[in-house]
């Protein structure tokens, strides 16, 4: 397994789901990690964001571009309709 680096912090669960859907569709290797901790009932998510996405170094720029587009639009221009 390649060395995965943190690509970006995700704001919420919906952003994470949408980004993951797009990355899977484009076959981009990635890992999603939530900051939710059951012992603290999600306390860290209010301070740090929902979580983060990590990927091999070669995919970080692509992920950041996709995430930037997601945050600037309603995502309809990013997700290709079949």
PDB file of N, CA and C in Angstrom:
ATOM      1  N   UNK A   1       0.842  -1.180   0.000  1.00  0.00           N
ATOM      2  CA  UNK A   1       0.000   0.000   0.000  1.00  0.00           C
ATOM      3  C   UNK A   1       0.885   1.240   0.000  1.00  0.00           C
ATOM      4  N   UNK A   2       0.533   2.176  -0.852  1.00  0.00           N
ATOM      5  CA  UNK A   2       1.297   3.415  -0.943  1.00  0.00           C
ATOM      6  C   UNK A   2       1.139   4.239   0.326  1.00  0.00           C
ATOM      7  N   UNK A   3       2.042   5.183   0.497  1.00  0.00           N
ATOM      8  CA  UNK A   3       1.974   6.087   1.634  1.00  0.00           C
ATOM      9  C   UNK A   3       0.894   7.136   1.380  1.00  0.00           C
ATOM     10  N   UNK A   4      -0.139   7.125   2.187  1.00  0.00           N
ATOM     11  CA  UNK A   4      -1.248   8.067   2.026  1.00  0.00           C
ATOM     12  C   UNK A   4      -0.961   9.340   2.818  1.00  0.00           C
ATOM     13  N   UNK A   5      -1.281  10.479   2.210  1.00  0.00           N
ATOM     14  CA  UNK A   5      -1.107  11.792   2.836  1.00  0.00           C
ATOM     15  C   UNK A   5      -2.472  12.450   2.981  1.00  0.00           C
ATOM     16  N   UNK A   6      -2.619  13.280   3.990  1.00  0.00           N
ATOM     17  CA  UNK A   6      -3.868  14.014   4.200  1.00  0.00           C
ATOM     18  C   UNK A   6      -4.039  15.023   3.070  1.00  0.00           C
ATOM     19  N   UNK A   7      -5.174  14.930   2.386  1.00  0.00           N
ATOM     20  CA  UNK A   7      -5.441  15.832   1.268  1.00  0.00           C
ATOM     21  C   UNK A   7      -6.211  17.062   1.720  1.00  0.00           C
ATOM     22  N   UNK A   8      -7.242  16.865   2.546  1.00  0.00           N
ATOM     23  CA  UNK A   8      -8.082  17.995   2.948  1.00  0.00           C
ATOM     24  C   UNK A   8      -8.955  17.627   4.135  1.00  0.00           C
ATOM     25  N   UNK A   9      -9.342  18.642   4.881  1.00  0.00           N
ATOM     26  CA  UNK A   9     -10.319  18.487   5.953  1.00  0.00           C
ATOM     27  C   UNK A   9     -11.703  18.698   5.363  1.00  0.00           C
ATOM     28  N   UNK A  10     -12.632  17.838   5.731  1.00  0.00           N
ATOM     29  CA  UNK A  10     -13.991  17.900   5.199  1.00  0.00           C
ATOM     30  C   UNK A  10     -14.910  18.567   6.213  1.00  0.00           C
ATOM     31  N   UNK A  11     -15.815  19.395   5.717  1.00  0.00           N
ATOM     32  CA  UNK A  11     -16.670  20.203   6.585  1.00  0.00           C
ATOM     33  C   UNK A  11     -17.793  19.421   7.252  1.00  0.00           C
ATOM     34  N   UNK A  12     -18.392  18.478   6.510  1.00  0.00           N
ATOM     35  CA  UNK A  12     -19.545  17.769   7.060  1.00  0.00           C
ATOM     36  C   UNK A  12     -19.728  16.422   6.369  1.00  0.00           C
ATOM     37  N   UNK A  13     -20.671  15.657   6.879  1.00  0.00           N
ATOM     38  CA  UNK A  13     -20.939  14.309   6.378  1.00  0.00           C
ATOM     39  C   UNK A  13     -21.390  14.318   4.915  1.00  0.00           C
ATOM     40  N   UNK A  14     -22.181  15.305   4.534  1.00  0.00           N
ATOM     41  CA  UNK A  14     -22.694  15.369   3.162  1.00  0.00           C
ATOM     42  C   UNK A  14     -21.578  15.651   2.168  1.00  0.00           C
ATOM     43  N   UNK A  15     -20.684  16.554   2.525  1.00  0.00           N
ATOM     44  CA  UNK A  15     -19.535  16.839   1.676  1.00  0.00           C
ATOM     45  C   UNK A  15     -18.672  15.587   1.530  1.00  0.00           C
ATOM     46  N   UNK A  16     -18.486  14.860   2.620  1.00  0.00           N
ATOM     47  CA  UNK A  16     -17.695  13.634   2.591  1.00  0.00           C
ATOM     48  C   UNK A  16     -18.333  12.582   1.689  1.00  0.00           C
ATOM     49  N   UNK A  17     -19.642  12.404   1.792  1.00  0.00           N
ATOM     50  CA  UNK A  17     -20.336  11.419   0.954  1.00  0.00           C
ATOM     51  C   UNK A  17     -20.250  11.774  -0.522  1.00  0.00           C
ATOM     52  N   UNK A  18     -20.459  13.034  -0.835  1.00  0.00           N
ATOM     53  CA  UNK A  18     -20.416  13.460  -2.229  1.00  0.00           C
ATOM     54  C   UNK A  18     -19.012  13.309  -2.799  1.00  0.00           C
ATOM     55  N   UNK A  19     -18.007  13.726  -2.048  1.00  0.00           N
ATOM     56  CA  UNK A  19     -16.623  13.591  -2.504  1.00  0.00           C
ATOM     57  C   UNK A  19     -16.265  12.125  -2.695  1.00  0.00           C
ATOM     58  N   UNK A  20     -16.648  11.282  -1.758  1.00  0.00           N
ATOM     59  CA  UNK A  20     -16.341   9.861  -1.882  1.00  0.00           C
ATOM     60  C   UNK A  20     -17.000   9.253  -3.116  1.00  0.00           C
ATOM     61  N   UNK A  21     -18.219   9.649  -3.400  1.00  0.00           N
ATOM     62  CA  UNK A  21     -18.913   9.157  -4.586  1.00  0.00           C
ATOM     63  C   UNK A  21     -18.153   9.523  -5.862  1.00  0.00           C
ATOM     64  N   UNK A  22     -17.701  10.749  -5.935  1.00  0.00           N
ATOM     65  CA  UNK A  22     -16.970  11.209  -7.120  1.00  0.00           C
ATOM     66  C   UNK A  22     -15.623  10.500  -7.231  1.00  0.00           C
ATOM     67  N   UNK A  23     -14.918  10.357  -6.128  1.00  0.00           N
ATOM     68  CA  UNK A  23     -13.612   9.689  -6.156  1.00  0.00           C
ATOM     69  C   UNK A  23     -13.745   8.225  -6.560  1.00  0.00           C
ATOM     70  N   UNK A  24     -14.776   7.556  -6.082  1.00  0.00           N
ATOM     71  CA  UNK A  24     -15.007   6.160  -6.485  1.00  0.00           C
ATOM     72  C   UNK A  24     -15.325   6.073  -7.977  1.00  0.00           C
ATOM     73  N   UNK A  25     -16.161   6.989  -8.450  1.00  0.00           N
ATOM     74  CA  UNK A  25     -16.529   6.999  -9.868  1.00  0.00           C
ATOM     75  C   UNK A  25     -15.299   7.179 -10.752  1.00  0.00           C
ATOM     76  N   UNK A  26     -14.344   7.957 -10.290  1.00  0.00           N
ATOM     77  CA  UNK A  26     -13.123   8.242 -11.059  1.00  0.00           C
ATOM     78  C   UNK A  26     -11.972   7.298 -10.706  1.00  0.00           C
ATOM     79  N   UNK A  27     -12.243   6.296  -9.880  1.00  0.00           N
ATOM     80  CA  UNK A  27     -11.241   5.310  -9.467  1.00  0.00           C
ATOM     81  C   UNK A  27     -10.003   5.944  -8.842  1.00  0.00           C
ATOM     82  N   UNK A  28     -10.219   6.941  -8.008  1.00  0.00           N
ATOM     83  CA  UNK A  28      -9.132   7.603  -7.288  1.00  0.00           C
ATOM     84  C   UNK A  28      -8.964   6.901  -5.939  1.00  0.00           C
ATOM     85  N   UNK A  29      -7.789   6.339  -5.665  1.00  0.00           N
ATOM     86  CA  UNK A  29      -7.586   5.688  -4.368  1.00  0.00           C
ATOM     87  C   UNK A  29      -7.619   6.727  -3.248  1.00  0.00           C
ATOM     88  N   UNK A  30      -8.342   6.416  -2.192  1.00  0.00           N
ATOM     89  CA  UNK A  30      -8.492   7.374  -1.096  1.00  0.00           C
ATOM     90  C   UNK A  30      -8.974   6.672   0.168  1.00  0.00           C
ATOM     91  N   UNK A  31      -8.830   7.353   1.284  1.00  0.00           N
ATOM     92  CA  UNK A  31      -9.368   6.904   2.563  1.00  0.00           C
ATOM     93  C   UNK A  31     -10.082   8.075   3.213  1.00  0.00           C
ATOM     94  N   UNK A  32     -11.269   7.819   3.736  1.00  0.00           N
ATOM     95  CA  UNK A  32     -12.023   8.836   4.470  1.00  0.00           C
ATOM     96  C   UNK A  32     -11.906   8.510   5.956  1.00  0.00           C
ATOM     97  N   UNK A  33     -11.642   9.520   6.741  1.00  0.00           N
ATOM     98  CA  UNK A  33     -11.525   9.327   8.192  1.00  0.00           C
ATOM     99  C   UNK A  33     -12.368  10.371   8.909  1.00  0.00           C
ATOM    100  N   UNK A  34     -13.290   9.913   9.726  1.00  0.00           N
ATOM    101  CA  UNK A  34     -14.147  10.806  10.506  1.00  0.00           C
ATOM    102  C   UNK A  34     -13.484  11.113  11.846  1.00  0.00           C
ATOM    103  N   UNK A  35     -13.689  12.323  12.341  1.00  0.00           N
ATOM    104  CA  UNK A  35     -13.206  12.692  13.671  1.00  0.00           C
ATOM    105  C   UNK A  35     -14.202  12.302  14.765  1.00  0.00           C
ATOM    106  N   UNK A  36     -15.303  11.660  14.399  1.00  0.00           N
ATOM    107  CA  UNK A  36     -16.311  11.284  15.391  1.00  0.00           C
ATOM    108  C   UNK A  36     -15.729  10.268  16.370  1.00  0.00           C
ATOM    109  N   UNK A  37     -15.971  10.490  17.619  1.00  0.00           N
ATOM    110  CA  UNK A  37     -15.524   9.597  18.682  1.00  0.00           C
ATOM    111  C   UNK A  37     -16.722   9.340  19.591  1.00  0.00           C
ATOM    112  N   UNK A  38     -17.132   8.089  19.699  1.00  0.00           N
ATOM    113  CA  UNK A  38     -18.322   7.784  20.491  1.00  0.00           C
ATOM    114  C   UNK A  38     -18.147   8.141  21.964  1.00  0.00           C
ATOM    115  N   UNK A  39     -16.938   8.084  22.468  1.00  0.00           N
ATOM    116  CA  UNK A  39     -16.706   8.424  23.873  1.00  0.00           C
ATOM    117  C   UNK A  39     -17.000   9.897  24.153  1.00  0.00           C
ATOM    118  N   UNK A  40     -16.770  10.735  23.156  1.00  0.00           N
ATOM    119  CA  UNK A  40     -16.998  12.170  23.329  1.00  0.00           C
ATOM    120  C   UNK A  40     -18.183  12.671  22.509  1.00  0.00           C
ATOM    121  N   UNK A  41     -18.968  11.745  21.954  1.00  0.00           N
ATOM    122  CA  UNK A  41     -20.185  12.062  21.203  1.00  0.00           C
ATOM    123  C   UNK A  41     -19.962  13.096  20.101  1.00  0.00           C
ATOM    124  N   UNK A  42     -18.879  12.953  19.350  1.00  0.00           N
ATOM    125  CA  UNK A  42     -18.642  13.835  18.210  1.00  0.00           C
ATOM    126  C   UNK A  42     -18.118  15.213  18.563  1.00  0.00           C
ATOM    127  N   UNK A  43     -17.651  15.407  19.779  1.00  0.00           N
ATOM    128  CA  UNK A  43     -17.165  16.714  20.229  1.00  0.00           C
ATOM    129  C   UNK A  43     -16.095  17.284  19.303  1.00  0.00           C
ATOM    130  N   UNK A  44     -15.189  16.437  18.831  1.00  0.00           N
ATOM    131  CA  UNK A  44     -14.085  16.925  18.011  1.00  0.00           C
ATOM    132  C   UNK A  44     -14.529  17.342  16.614  1.00  0.00           C
ATOM    133  N   UNK A  45     -15.667  16.848  16.148  1.00  0.00           N
ATOM    134  CA  UNK A  45     -16.164  17.252  14.836  1.00  0.00           C
ATOM    135  C   UNK A  45     -16.568  18.720  14.829  1.00  0.00           C
ATOM    136  N   UNK A  46     -17.021  19.251  15.928  1.00  0.00           N
ATOM    137  CA  UNK A  46     -17.383  20.671  15.968  1.00  0.00           C
ATOM    138  C   UNK A  46     -16.142  21.547  15.988  1.00  0.00           C
ATOM    139  N   UNK A  47     -15.015  21.010  16.420  1.00  0.00           N
ATOM    140  CA  UNK A  47     -13.778  21.775  16.495  1.00  0.00           C
ATOM    141  C   UNK A  47     -12.891  21.595  15.270  1.00  0.00           C
ATOM    142  N   UNK A  48     -12.848  20.387  14.730  1.00  0.00           N
ATOM    143  CA  UNK A  48     -11.905  20.067  13.660  1.00  0.00           C
ATOM    144  C   UNK A  48     -12.547  19.901  12.287  1.00  0.00           C
ATOM    145  N   UNK A  49     -13.858  19.835  12.207  1.00  0.00           N
ATOM    146  CA  UNK A  49     -14.527  19.492  10.957  1.00  0.00           C
ATOM    147  C   UNK A  49     -14.981  18.046  11.015  1.00  0.00           C
ATOM    148  N   UNK A  50     -15.676  17.593   9.996  1.00  0.00           N
ATOM    149  CA  UNK A  50     -16.218  16.238   9.999  1.00  0.00           C
ATOM    150  C   UNK A  50     -15.111  15.191  10.056  1.00  0.00           C
ATOM    151  N   UNK A  51     -14.072  15.410   9.267  1.00  0.00           N
ATOM    152  CA  UNK A  51     -12.983  14.451   9.165  1.00  0.00           C
ATOM    153  C   UNK A  51     -12.057  14.875   8.047  1.00  0.00           C
ATOM    154  N   UNK A  52     -11.375  13.908   7.455  1.00  0.00           N
ATOM    155  CA  UNK A  52     -10.462  14.251   6.362  1.00  0.00           C
ATOM    156  C   UNK A  52     -10.394  13.127   5.342  1.00  0.00           C
ATOM    157  N   UNK A  53      -9.863  13.475   4.179  1.00  0.00           N
ATOM    158  CA  UNK A  53      -9.617  12.507   3.119  1.00  0.00           C
ATOM    159  C   UNK A  53      -8.110  12.443   2.905  1.00  0.00           C
ATOM    160  N   UNK A  54      -7.599  11.234   2.725  1.00  0.00           N
ATOM    161  CA  UNK A  54      -6.184  11.058   2.429  1.00  0.00           C
ATOM    162  C   UNK A  54      -6.046  10.198   1.181  1.00  0.00           C
ATOM    163  N   UNK A  55      -4.888  10.344   0.516  1.00  0.00           N
ATOM    164  CA  UNK A  55      -4.658   9.639  -0.740  1.00  0.00           C
ATOM    165  C   UNK A  55      -3.157   9.598  -1.023  1.00  0.00           C
ATOM    166  N   UNK A  56      -2.740   8.773  -1.992  1.00  0.00           N
ATOM    167  CA  UNK A  56      -1.340   8.797  -2.401  1.00  0.00           C
ATOM    168  C   UNK A  56      -0.965  10.184  -2.942  1.00  0.00           C
ATOM    169  N   UNK A  57       0.286  10.551  -2.803  1.00  0.00           N
ATOM    170  CA  UNK A  57       0.777  11.874  -3.183  1.00  0.00           C
ATOM    171  C   UNK A  57       0.338  12.288  -4.590  1.00  0.00           C
ATOM    172  N   UNK A  58       0.359  11.387  -5.534  1.00  0.00           N
ATOM    173  CA  UNK A  58       0.035  11.701  -6.918  1.00  0.00           C
ATOM    174  C   UNK A  58      -1.413  12.100  -7.167  1.00  0.00           C
ATOM    175  N   UNK A  59      -2.289  11.879  -6.208  1.00  0.00           N
ATOM    176  CA  UNK A  59      -3.710  12.188  -6.369  1.00  0.00           C
ATOM    177  C   UNK A  59      -4.163  13.396  -5.557  1.00  0.00           C
ATOM    178  N   UNK A  60      -3.289  13.960  -4.752  1.00  0.00           N
ATOM    179  CA  UNK A  60      -3.689  15.051  -3.858  1.00  0.00           C
ATOM    180  C   UNK A  60      -4.215  16.268  -4.611  1.00  0.00           C
ATOM    181  N   UNK A  61      -3.536  16.661  -5.677  1.00  0.00           N
ATOM    182  CA  UNK A  61      -3.981  17.833  -6.444  1.00  0.00           C
ATOM    183  C   UNK A  61      -5.347  17.601  -7.077  1.00  0.00           C
ATOM    184  N   UNK A  62      -5.566  16.405  -7.607  1.00  0.00           N
ATOM    185  CA  UNK A  62      -6.859  16.079  -8.220  1.00  0.00           C
ATOM    186  C   UNK A  62      -7.980  16.144  -7.182  1.00  0.00           C
ATOM    187  N   UNK A  63      -7.731  15.613  -6.003  1.00  0.00           N
ATOM    188  CA  UNK A  63      -8.736  15.642  -4.938  1.00  0.00           C
ATOM    189  C   UNK A  63      -9.023  17.070  -4.513  1.00  0.00           C
ATOM    190  N   UNK A  64      -7.991  17.877  -4.367  1.00  0.00           N
ATOM    191  CA  UNK A  64      -8.186  19.274  -3.967  1.00  0.00           C
ATOM    192  C   UNK A  64      -8.983  20.044  -5.021  1.00  0.00           C
ATOM    193  N   UNK A  65      -8.737  19.757  -6.291  1.00  0.00           N
ATOM    194  CA  UNK A  65      -9.486  20.413  -7.370  1.00  0.00           C
ATOM    195  C   UNK A  65     -10.959  20.004  -7.337  1.00  0.00           C
ATOM    196  N   UNK A  66     -11.223  18.727  -7.155  1.00  0.00           N
ATOM    197  CA  UNK A  66     -12.602  18.239  -7.072  1.00  0.00           C
ATOM    198  C   UNK A  66     -13.309  18.865  -5.873  1.00  0.00           C
ATOM    199  N   UNK A  67     -12.645  18.885  -4.733  1.00  0.00           N
ATOM    200  CA  UNK A  67     -13.241  19.447  -3.525  1.00  0.00           C
ATOM    201  C   UNK A  67     -13.501  20.944  -3.676  1.00  0.00           C
ATOM    202  N   UNK A  68     -12.589  21.638  -4.303  1.00  0.00           N
ATOM    203  CA  UNK A  68     -12.780  23.070  -4.545  1.00  0.00           C
ATOM    204  C   UNK A  68     -13.997  23.305  -5.431  1.00  0.00           C
ATOM    205  N   UNK A  69     -14.132  22.497  -6.478  1.00  0.00           N
ATOM    206  CA  UNK A  69     -15.295  22.611  -7.364  1.00  0.00           C
ATOM    207  C   UNK A  69     -16.588  22.303  -6.611  1.00  0.00           C
ATOM    208  N   UNK A  70     -16.547  21.293  -5.741  1.00  0.00           N
ATOM    209  CA  UNK A  70     -17.730  20.948  -4.941  1.00  0.00           C
ATOM    210  C   UNK A  70     -18.162  22.116  -4.063  1.00  0.00           C
ATOM    211  N   UNK A  71     -17.202  22.747  -3.465  1.00  0.00           N
ATOM    212  CA  UNK A  71     -17.506  23.835  -2.536  1.00  0.00           C
ATOM    213  C   UNK A  71     -17.973  25.101  -3.247  1.00  0.00           C
ATOM    214  N   UNK A  72     -17.632  25.252  -4.519  1.00  0.00           N
ATOM    215  CA  UNK A  72     -18.017  26.444  -5.266  1.00  0.00           C
ATOM    216  C   UNK A  72     -19.304  26.269  -6.052  1.00  0.00           C
ATOM    217  N   UNK A  73     -19.768  25.047  -6.183  1.00  0.00           N
ATOM    218  CA  UNK A  73     -20.957  24.806  -7.001  1.00  0.00           C
ATOM    219  C   UNK A  73     -21.930  23.902  -6.270  1.00  0.00           C
ATOM    220  N   UNK A  74     -22.992  23.576  -6.972  1.00  0.00           N
ATOM    221  CA  UNK A  74     -23.956  22.630  -6.403  1.00  0.00           C
ATOM    222  C   UNK A  74     -23.605  21.199  -6.786  1.00  0.00           C
ATOM    223  N   UNK A  75     -22.432  21.010  -7.372  1.00  0.00           N
ATOM    224  CA  UNK A  75     -21.892  19.708  -7.757  1.00  0.00           C
ATOM    225  C   UNK A  75     -22.548  19.114  -8.991  1.00  0.00           C
ATOM    226  N   UNK A  76     -23.535  19.754  -9.557  1.00  0.00           N
ATOM    227  CA  UNK A  76     -24.176  19.198 -10.747  1.00  0.00           C
ATOM    228  C   UNK A  76     -23.241  19.216 -11.950  1.00  0.00           C
ATOM    229  N   UNK A  77     -22.294  20.133 -11.976  1.00  0.00           N
ATOM    230  CA  UNK A  77     -21.367  20.194 -13.098  1.00  0.00           C
ATOM    231  C   UNK A  77     -20.231  19.191 -12.955  1.00  0.00           C
ATOM    232  N   UNK A  78     -20.047  18.624 -11.761  1.00  0.00           N
ATOM    233  CA  UNK A  78     -18.945  17.699 -11.529  1.00  0.00           C
ATOM    234  C   UNK A  78     -19.372  16.261 -11.777  1.00  0.00           C
ATOM    235  N   UNK A  79     -20.522  15.904 -11.272  1.00  0.00           N
ATOM    236  CA  UNK A  79     -21.013  14.540 -11.390  1.00  0.00           C
ATOM    237  C   UNK A  79     -21.614  14.364 -12.774  1.00  0.00           C
ATOM    238  N   UNK A  80     -21.055  13.416 -13.506  1.00  0.00           N
ATOM    239  CA  UNK A  80     -21.550  13.172 -14.857  1.00  0.00           C
ATOM    240  C   UNK A  80     -22.817  12.333 -14.801  1.00  0.00           C
ATOM    241  N   UNK A  81     -23.823  12.767 -15.530  1.00  0.00           N
ATOM    242  CA  UNK A  81     -25.050  11.969 -15.580  1.00  0.00           C
ATOM    243  C   UNK A  81     -24.882  10.864 -16.602  1.00  0.00           C
ATOM    244  N   UNK A  82     -25.480   9.745 -16.309  1.00  0.00           N
ATOM    245  CA  UNK A  82     -25.351   8.593 -17.211  1.00  0.00           C
ATOM    246  C   UNK A  82     -26.522   8.517 -18.149  1.00  0.00           C
TER     247      UNK A  82
END
